[in-house]
Amino acid sequence: MTSGDFKTDYRKDIAIFQTTWVKGWLVFFILALLIFPFVVGEYPVYIMNLCGIAIIGALGLNILTGFTGQISLGHAAFIAIGAYTSGILTTKLGMPFWFTIPIAGLVSAFAGLIVGIPSLRLKGLYLAITTMAFSIIVEYIIMRWKSLTGGAVGMEIPRPVLGGIAFESDRSFYFVILFFVVLGIIFSRNLIRTKAGRAFIAIRDRDIAAEVIGVDLSRYKIISFMISSFYAGVAGSLYGALIMNISSEQFALHVSIEYVAMIIIGGMGSILGSIYGAVFMTLVPEILRFSVKLFGIADIYPSIIDIIDEIKVGVFGILIILFLIYEPEGIYGRWRKIKAYWKTWPFTY
């Protein structure tokens, strides 16, 4: 008499969703996401939109840092390039927003190619400093090229229109972001299962050994940079259309640090970790605002509401330190341990 979960062919063994239980939960989750904007107010929908954009950006950074082992502190620059590319094409050239999304991704990918070339001879701290320098250069160009970017004033971006339907509300734009989130997750999940994805992991684990067995380090490092940058460009394009006004302050160095925090806290080298980390870090400011009101701190110190963003940066730093010390595998790692425990419970030996 057979028991357990047996695979009878290779196709079943590599299937993403291997059990009926998992497929059922997936269908339920998708239905919940589709119903969500109709049962909550505008602000929760807006927060979910921010979560979706953060997920796309975090997926890109995790492909580069989590799977390929290339540290980047310039992710915000690629997001900015995507946002401004989409904004310029939409406002100055009159191009439909839907065409600007892939173009923004491609322009950011080209920028990733430029940054990726020096990475062939750099690693670790040196690569991190290089990407951080690129972020500073991009921010400087945005500030100084006023005729194109609007400088410190920024640029206004209209909401997209499709077939006479204007996506004016956050609720309608929610489905646009959801579509690209699902597309990004599917692509990244399958990418890691391909030859390129396995090459990324080999480079991360031991680049010298990977080169010995025939992995072209130069090629795959550049591909990883370009794919990561493409994700960032798409995220930037959607972000600009969501908030409808972009400026250099929204893509400063601390944004890159936030994305690094997302993949560390969520789980480096994990697609689900990117999702967990992006959602968690996006909700942290909202949790802080709710906490100061719930415990009456805002009544004692009314000005604390105005400095939540500054407090948020400190909280991000503390969370990174705590996760690195107590849970290096992030939220996803903890989730795997919980599942493993209950699979064998009560026989946990």
Protein backbone atom coordinates (compact mmCIF):
# COMPACT_ATOMS: atom_id res chain seq x y z
CA MET A 1 0.00 0.00 0.00
CA THR A 2 1.52 3.28 -1.13
CA SER A 3 1.63 6.40 1.00
CA GLY A 4 3.15 9.84 0.70
CA ASP A 5 3.68 11.98 -2.38
CA PHE A 6 5.29 10.05 -5.24
CA LYS A 7 6.34 11.38 -8.65
CA THR A 8 6.15 9.03 -11.62
CA ASP A 9 7.81 11.24 -14.25
CA TYR A 10 10.20 14.19 -14.51
CA ARG A 11 7.49 16.63 -15.58
CA LYS A 12 5.62 16.08 -12.30
CA ASP A 13 8.83 16.35 -10.31
CA ILE A 14 9.64 19.85 -11.63
CA ALA A 15 6.04 21.15 -11.55
CA ILE A 16 5.71 24.44 -9.67
CA PHE A 17 2.38 23.49 -8.08
CA GLN A 18 2.71 19.82 -7.25
CA THR A 19 -0.38 19.06 -5.19
CA THR A 20 -4.10 19.69 -5.49
CA TRP A 21 -4.01 21.39 -2.09
CA VAL A 22 -1.51 23.99 -3.30
CA LYS A 23 -3.45 24.57 -6.50
CA GLY A 24 -6.65 25.06 -4.51
CA TRP A 25 -5.02 27.63 -2.24
CA LEU A 26 -3.63 29.42 -5.29
CA VAL A 27 -7.09 29.72 -6.86
CA PHE A 28 -8.51 30.97 -3.57
CA PHE A 29 -5.72 33.54 -3.21
CA ILE A 30 -6.20 34.86 -6.76
CA LEU A 31 -9.94 35.21 -6.20
CA ALA A 32 -9.26 37.06 -2.94
CA LEU A 33 -6.93 39.46 -4.76
CA LEU A 34 -9.56 40.12 -7.44
CA ILE A 35 -12.27 40.78 -4.86
CA PHE A 36 -10.06 42.82 -2.50
CA PRO A 37 -10.43 46.31 -4.08
CA PHE A 38 -14.23 46.05 -4.01
CA VAL A 39 -14.53 45.35 -0.28
CA VAL A 40 -12.08 47.92 1.13
CA GLY A 41 -11.61 51.67 0.91
CA GLU A 42 -9.38 53.64 -1.43
CA TYR A 43 -6.43 53.92 0.97
CA PRO A 44 -5.95 50.16 1.52
CA VAL A 45 -6.09 49.73 -2.26
CA TYR A 46 -3.41 52.42 -2.62
CA ILE A 47 -1.20 50.60 -0.10
CA MET A 48 -1.71 47.34 -1.99
CA ASN A 49 -0.67 49.11 -5.19
CA LEU A 50 2.55 50.20 -3.48
CA CYS A 51 3.06 46.60 -2.32
CA GLY A 52 2.64 45.34 -5.88
CA ILE A 53 5.20 47.80 -7.27
CA ALA A 54 7.60 46.92 -4.44
CA ILE A 55 7.20 43.23 -5.28
CA ILE A 56 8.23 43.84 -8.90
CA GLY A 57 11.27 45.84 -7.81
CA ALA A 58 12.23 43.31 -5.12
CA LEU A 59 11.99 40.43 -7.59
CA GLY A 60 14.48 42.19 -9.84
CA LEU A 61 16.94 42.89 -7.03
CA ASN A 62 16.65 39.34 -5.70
CA ILE A 63 17.53 37.93 -9.12
CA LEU A 64 20.70 40.04 -9.07
CA THR A 65 21.70 39.85 -5.41
CA GLY A 66 19.88 36.83 -4.02
CA PHE A 67 20.37 34.44 -6.93
CA THR A 68 23.51 35.79 -8.64
CA GLY A 69 25.32 37.18 -5.60
CA GLN A 70 25.97 40.64 -7.12
CA ILE A 71 25.47 43.29 -4.43
CA SER A 72 23.71 46.42 -5.65
CA LEU A 73 23.03 49.69 -3.85
CA GLY A 74 21.81 51.41 -6.99
CA HIS A 75 18.42 49.77 -7.51
CA ALA A 76 16.63 53.08 -6.92
CA ALA A 77 18.50 54.58 -9.88
CA PHE A 78 17.11 51.96 -12.26
CA ILE A 79 13.62 52.54 -10.87
CA ALA A 80 14.11 56.27 -11.44
CA ILE A 81 15.26 55.69 -15.03
CA GLY A 82 12.11 53.66 -15.68
CA ALA A 83 9.84 56.27 -14.08
CA TYR A 84 11.36 59.21 -15.96
CA THR A 85 11.54 57.33 -19.26
CA SER A 86 7.86 56.51 -19.06
CA GLY A 87 7.02 60.04 -17.92
CA ILE A 88 8.99 61.73 -20.70
CA LEU A 89 7.56 59.48 -23.42
CA THR A 90 4.03 60.03 -22.12
CA THR A 91 4.07 63.78 -21.43
CA LYS A 92 6.54 65.13 -24.01
CA LEU A 93 6.07 62.71 -26.91
CA GLY A 94 2.43 61.78 -26.35
CA MET A 95 3.11 58.06 -26.43
CA PRO A 96 0.44 55.79 -24.88
CA PHE A 97 1.40 54.66 -21.38
CA TRP A 98 1.09 50.99 -22.25
CA PHE A 99 3.90 51.24 -24.82
CA THR A 100 6.14 53.15 -22.43
CA ILE A 101 6.20 50.33 -19.86
CA PRO A 102 8.35 47.88 -21.91
CA ILE A 103 10.42 50.78 -23.27
CA ALA A 104 11.10 51.98 -19.72
CA GLY A 105 12.17 48.46 -18.84
CA LEU A 106 14.49 48.27 -21.86
CA VAL A 107 16.09 51.66 -21.15
CA SER A 108 16.71 50.59 -17.55
CA ALA A 109 18.11 47.27 -18.83
CA PHE A 110 20.53 49.20 -21.05
CA ALA A 111 21.61 51.20 -18.00
CA GLY A 112 22.05 47.88 -16.22
CA LEU A 113 24.32 46.77 -19.07
CA ILE A 114 26.48 49.85 -18.57
CA VAL A 115 26.75 49.20 -14.84
CA GLY A 116 27.11 45.46 -15.33
CA ILE A 117 30.26 45.71 -17.43
CA PRO A 118 32.42 46.99 -14.51
CA SER A 119 30.95 44.21 -12.35
CA LEU A 120 32.95 41.70 -14.39
CA ARG A 121 36.04 42.74 -12.44
CA LEU A 122 34.39 43.86 -9.20
CA LYS A 123 32.68 42.03 -6.41
CA GLY A 124 31.55 42.50 -2.83
CA LEU A 125 32.06 45.94 -1.30
CA TYR A 126 33.67 47.36 -4.45
CA LEU A 127 30.65 46.46 -6.56
CA ALA A 128 28.30 47.90 -3.92
CA ILE A 129 30.21 51.23 -3.99
CA THR A 130 30.13 51.27 -7.80
CA THR A 131 26.35 50.81 -7.94
CA MET A 132 25.89 53.40 -5.19
CA ALA A 133 27.98 55.86 -7.22
CA PHE A 134 25.78 55.20 -10.25
CA SER A 135 22.71 55.98 -8.14
CA ILE A 136 24.22 59.31 -7.08
CA ILE A 137 25.08 60.16 -10.70
CA VAL A 138 21.52 59.43 -11.85
CA GLU A 139 20.09 61.57 -9.04
CA TYR A 140 22.45 64.41 -10.00
CA ILE A 141 21.41 64.21 -13.68
CA ILE A 142 17.73 64.30 -12.73
CA MET A 143 18.30 67.39 -10.59
CA ARG A 144 20.38 69.28 -13.19
CA TRP A 145 18.67 68.39 -16.47
CA LYS A 146 15.67 70.57 -15.72
CA SER A 147 14.45 70.95 -19.30
CA LEU A 148 13.91 67.19 -19.53
CA THR A 149 13.16 66.04 -15.98
CA GLY A 150 11.80 69.16 -14.32
CA GLY A 151 14.64 69.23 -11.81
CA ALA A 152 13.70 69.54 -8.17
CA VAL A 153 10.11 70.43 -9.10
CA GLY A 154 9.63 67.04 -10.70
CA MET A 155 7.31 65.85 -13.42
CA GLU A 156 3.58 65.23 -13.49
CA ILE A 157 2.42 62.01 -15.14
CA PRO A 158 -1.22 61.41 -16.14
CA ARG A 159 -3.03 58.17 -15.41
CA PRO A 160 -3.26 55.82 -18.42
CA VAL A 161 -6.24 55.47 -20.74
CA LEU A 162 -7.22 52.29 -22.58
CA GLY A 163 -9.99 52.20 -25.18
CA GLY A 164 -11.60 55.32 -23.77
CA ILE A 165 -11.44 53.96 -20.20
CA ALA A 166 -9.37 56.18 -17.91
CA PHE A 167 -7.66 54.48 -14.96
CA GLU A 168 -8.19 57.49 -12.71
CA SER A 169 -8.80 55.73 -9.40
CA ASP A 170 -6.41 53.59 -7.40
CA ARG A 171 -9.01 50.82 -7.56
CA SER A 172 -8.93 50.65 -11.35
CA PHE A 173 -5.14 50.95 -11.49
CA TYR A 174 -4.90 48.09 -8.98
CA PHE A 175 -5.68 45.55 -11.69
CA VAL A 176 -3.00 46.98 -13.98
CA ILE A 177 -0.37 46.56 -11.26
CA LEU A 178 -1.72 43.11 -10.34
CA PHE A 179 -1.31 41.98 -13.94
CA PHE A 180 2.37 42.98 -14.03
CA VAL A 181 3.01 41.48 -10.59
CA VAL A 182 1.65 38.11 -11.71
CA LEU A 183 3.62 38.34 -14.96
CA GLY A 184 6.81 39.19 -13.07
CA ILE A 185 6.39 36.34 -10.60
CA ILE A 186 5.72 33.77 -13.33
CA PHE A 187 8.72 34.89 -15.37
CA SER A 188 11.14 34.99 -12.43
CA ARG A 189 9.93 31.65 -11.06
CA ASN A 190 10.54 29.97 -14.40
CA LEU A 191 13.77 31.88 -15.06
CA ILE A 192 15.44 30.27 -12.04
CA ARG A 193 14.59 26.82 -13.45
CA THR A 194 16.32 27.54 -16.78
CA LYS A 195 19.97 27.19 -17.76
CA ALA A 196 20.52 30.89 -17.07
CA GLY A 197 18.93 30.66 -13.63
CA ARG A 198 21.09 27.71 -12.65
CA ALA A 199 24.13 29.63 -13.91
CA PHE A 200 23.15 32.56 -11.67
CA ILE A 201 23.03 30.27 -8.64
CA ALA A 202 26.36 28.66 -9.55
CA ILE A 203 28.00 32.10 -9.78
CA ARG A 204 26.55 33.07 -6.41
CA ASP A 205 27.68 29.90 -4.66
CA ARG A 206 31.23 29.73 -6.08
CA ASP A 207 32.11 31.76 -9.16
CA ILE A 208 35.51 30.11 -9.70
CA ALA A 209 33.98 26.61 -9.64
CA ALA A 210 31.21 27.81 -11.98
CA GLU A 211 33.78 29.09 -14.46
CA VAL A 212 35.70 25.80 -14.27
CA ILE A 213 32.60 23.78 -15.23
CA GLY A 214 31.95 26.03 -18.22
CA VAL A 215 29.70 28.85 -16.98
CA ASP A 216 30.43 32.10 -18.84
CA LEU A 217 30.71 34.50 -15.89
CA SER A 218 30.80 37.67 -18.00
CA ARG A 219 27.71 36.75 -19.98
CA TYR A 220 25.53 35.68 -17.08
CA LYS A 221 26.52 38.53 -14.77
CA ILE A 222 25.53 41.04 -17.44
CA ILE A 223 22.29 39.16 -18.16
CA SER A 224 21.46 39.21 -14.46
CA PHE A 225 22.10 42.96 -14.25
CA MET A 226 19.93 43.60 -17.29
CA ILE A 227 17.02 41.45 -16.10
CA SER A 228 17.15 43.05 -12.65
CA SER A 229 17.22 46.52 -14.20
CA PHE A 230 14.32 45.66 -16.52
CA TYR A 231 12.20 44.74 -13.50
CA ALA A 232 13.21 48.00 -11.83
CA GLY A 233 12.28 49.99 -14.94
CA VAL A 234 8.82 48.43 -15.10
CA ALA A 235 8.33 49.11 -11.37
CA GLY A 236 9.39 52.74 -11.88
CA SER A 237 7.00 53.20 -14.80
CA LEU A 238 4.08 51.89 -12.74
CA TYR A 239 5.13 53.93 -9.70
CA GLY A 240 5.17 57.16 -11.68
CA ALA A 241 1.69 56.52 -13.06
CA LEU A 242 0.39 55.61 -9.60
CA ILE A 243 1.53 58.72 -7.71
CA MET A 244 1.28 60.95 -10.84
CA ASN A 245 4.21 63.12 -9.76
CA ILE A 246 7.86 62.09 -9.61
CA SER A 247 10.96 63.89 -8.35
CA SER A 248 14.53 62.97 -7.49
CA GLU A 249 13.74 62.77 -3.76
CA GLN A 250 11.63 59.67 -4.34
CA PHE A 251 14.63 57.76 -5.73
CA ALA A 252 17.34 58.65 -3.23
CA LEU A 253 19.88 56.22 -1.78
CA HIS A 254 17.59 55.22 1.09
CA VAL A 255 15.18 53.67 -1.44
CA SER A 256 17.94 51.29 -2.58
CA ILE A 257 18.57 50.39 1.05
CA GLU A 258 14.86 49.71 1.51
CA TYR A 259 14.93 47.26 -1.39
CA VAL A 260 17.99 45.54 0.04
CA ALA A 261 16.07 45.29 3.32
CA MET A 262 13.14 43.72 1.47
CA ILE A 263 15.16 40.82 0.10
CA ILE A 264 17.11 40.31 3.34
CA ILE A 265 14.01 40.29 5.53
CA GLY A 266 11.92 38.36 3.01
CA GLY A 267 14.60 35.83 2.14
CA MET A 268 17.47 36.14 -0.31
CA GLY A 269 17.45 33.71 -3.20
CA SER A 270 13.70 33.12 -2.97
CA ILE A 271 10.81 34.31 -5.13
CA LEU A 272 8.36 34.04 -2.24
CA GLY A 273 10.89 35.84 -0.05
CA SER A 274 10.78 38.81 -2.43
CA ILE A 275 7.00 38.94 -2.05
CA TYR A 276 7.04 38.58 1.73
CA GLY A 277 9.76 41.17 2.16
CA ALA A 278 8.19 43.71 -0.19
CA VAL A 279 4.79 43.49 1.47
CA PHE A 280 6.27 43.56 4.98
CA MET A 281 8.53 46.56 4.36
CA THR A 282 5.76 48.50 2.60
CA LEU A 283 3.44 47.94 5.56
CA VAL A 284 6.03 48.95 8.20
CA PRO A 285 5.30 52.72 7.92
CA GLU A 286 1.57 52.01 8.16
CA ILE A 287 2.15 49.82 11.22
CA LEU A 288 4.19 52.64 12.80
CA ARG A 289 1.44 55.19 12.15
CA PHE A 290 -1.19 52.86 13.56
CA SER A 291 0.94 52.09 16.62
CA VAL A 292 1.60 55.71 17.60
CA LYS A 293 -2.13 56.39 17.43
CA LEU A 294 -3.18 53.17 19.15
CA PHE A 295 -0.88 53.63 22.16
CA GLY A 296 -1.59 57.36 22.46
CA ILE A 297 1.96 58.41 21.55
CA ALA A 298 0.60 60.84 18.96
CA ASP A 299 -1.44 62.57 21.69
CA ILE A 300 1.63 63.07 23.86
CA TYR A 301 3.98 63.97 20.99
CA PRO A 302 1.84 65.32 18.11
CA SER A 303 4.91 66.08 15.99
CA ILE A 304 5.85 62.40 15.82
CA ILE A 305 3.44 61.89 12.90
CA ASP A 306 5.54 64.30 10.83
CA ILE A 307 8.77 62.37 11.41
CA ILE A 308 7.42 58.86 10.75
CA ASP A 309 9.51 58.67 7.56
CA GLU A 310 12.69 59.41 9.52
CA ILE A 311 11.73 56.86 12.19
CA LYS A 312 10.99 54.37 9.41
CA VAL A 313 14.62 54.45 8.20
CA GLY A 314 15.85 53.64 11.71
CA VAL A 315 13.32 50.81 12.04
CA PHE A 316 14.48 49.38 8.69
CA GLY A 317 18.06 49.33 9.96
CA ILE A 318 17.07 47.60 13.19
CA LEU A 319 15.03 45.00 11.30
CA ILE A 320 17.92 44.22 8.97
CA ILE A 321 20.27 43.69 11.92
CA LEU A 322 17.77 41.50 13.79
CA PHE A 323 17.02 39.31 10.79
CA LEU A 324 20.70 38.91 9.93
CA ILE A 325 21.41 37.78 13.49
CA TYR A 326 18.37 35.68 14.34
CA GLU A 327 16.86 34.65 10.99
CA PRO A 328 19.38 34.95 8.13
CA GLU A 329 17.02 33.11 5.77
CA GLY A 330 14.32 35.74 6.30
CA ILE A 331 10.57 35.33 6.56
CA TYR A 332 10.57 32.67 3.86
CA GLY A 333 13.14 30.65 5.78
CA ARG A 334 11.02 30.82 8.92
CA TRP A 335 7.95 29.77 6.90
CA ARG A 336 9.82 26.73 5.54
CA LYS A 337 10.81 25.69 9.06
CA ILE A 338 7.20 25.98 10.26
CA LYS A 339 5.98 23.85 7.33
CA ALA A 340 8.67 21.26 7.93
CA TYR A 341 7.73 21.07 11.61
CA TRP A 342 4.04 20.47 10.97
CA LYS A 343 4.69 17.97 8.18
CA THR A 344 6.35 15.60 10.65
CA TRP A 345 4.35 16.55 13.76
CA PRO A 346 4.04 14.90 16.26
CA PHE A 347 7.05 12.84 15.12
CA THR A 348 9.53 15.76 15.02
CA TYR A 349 12.68 13.69 15.50
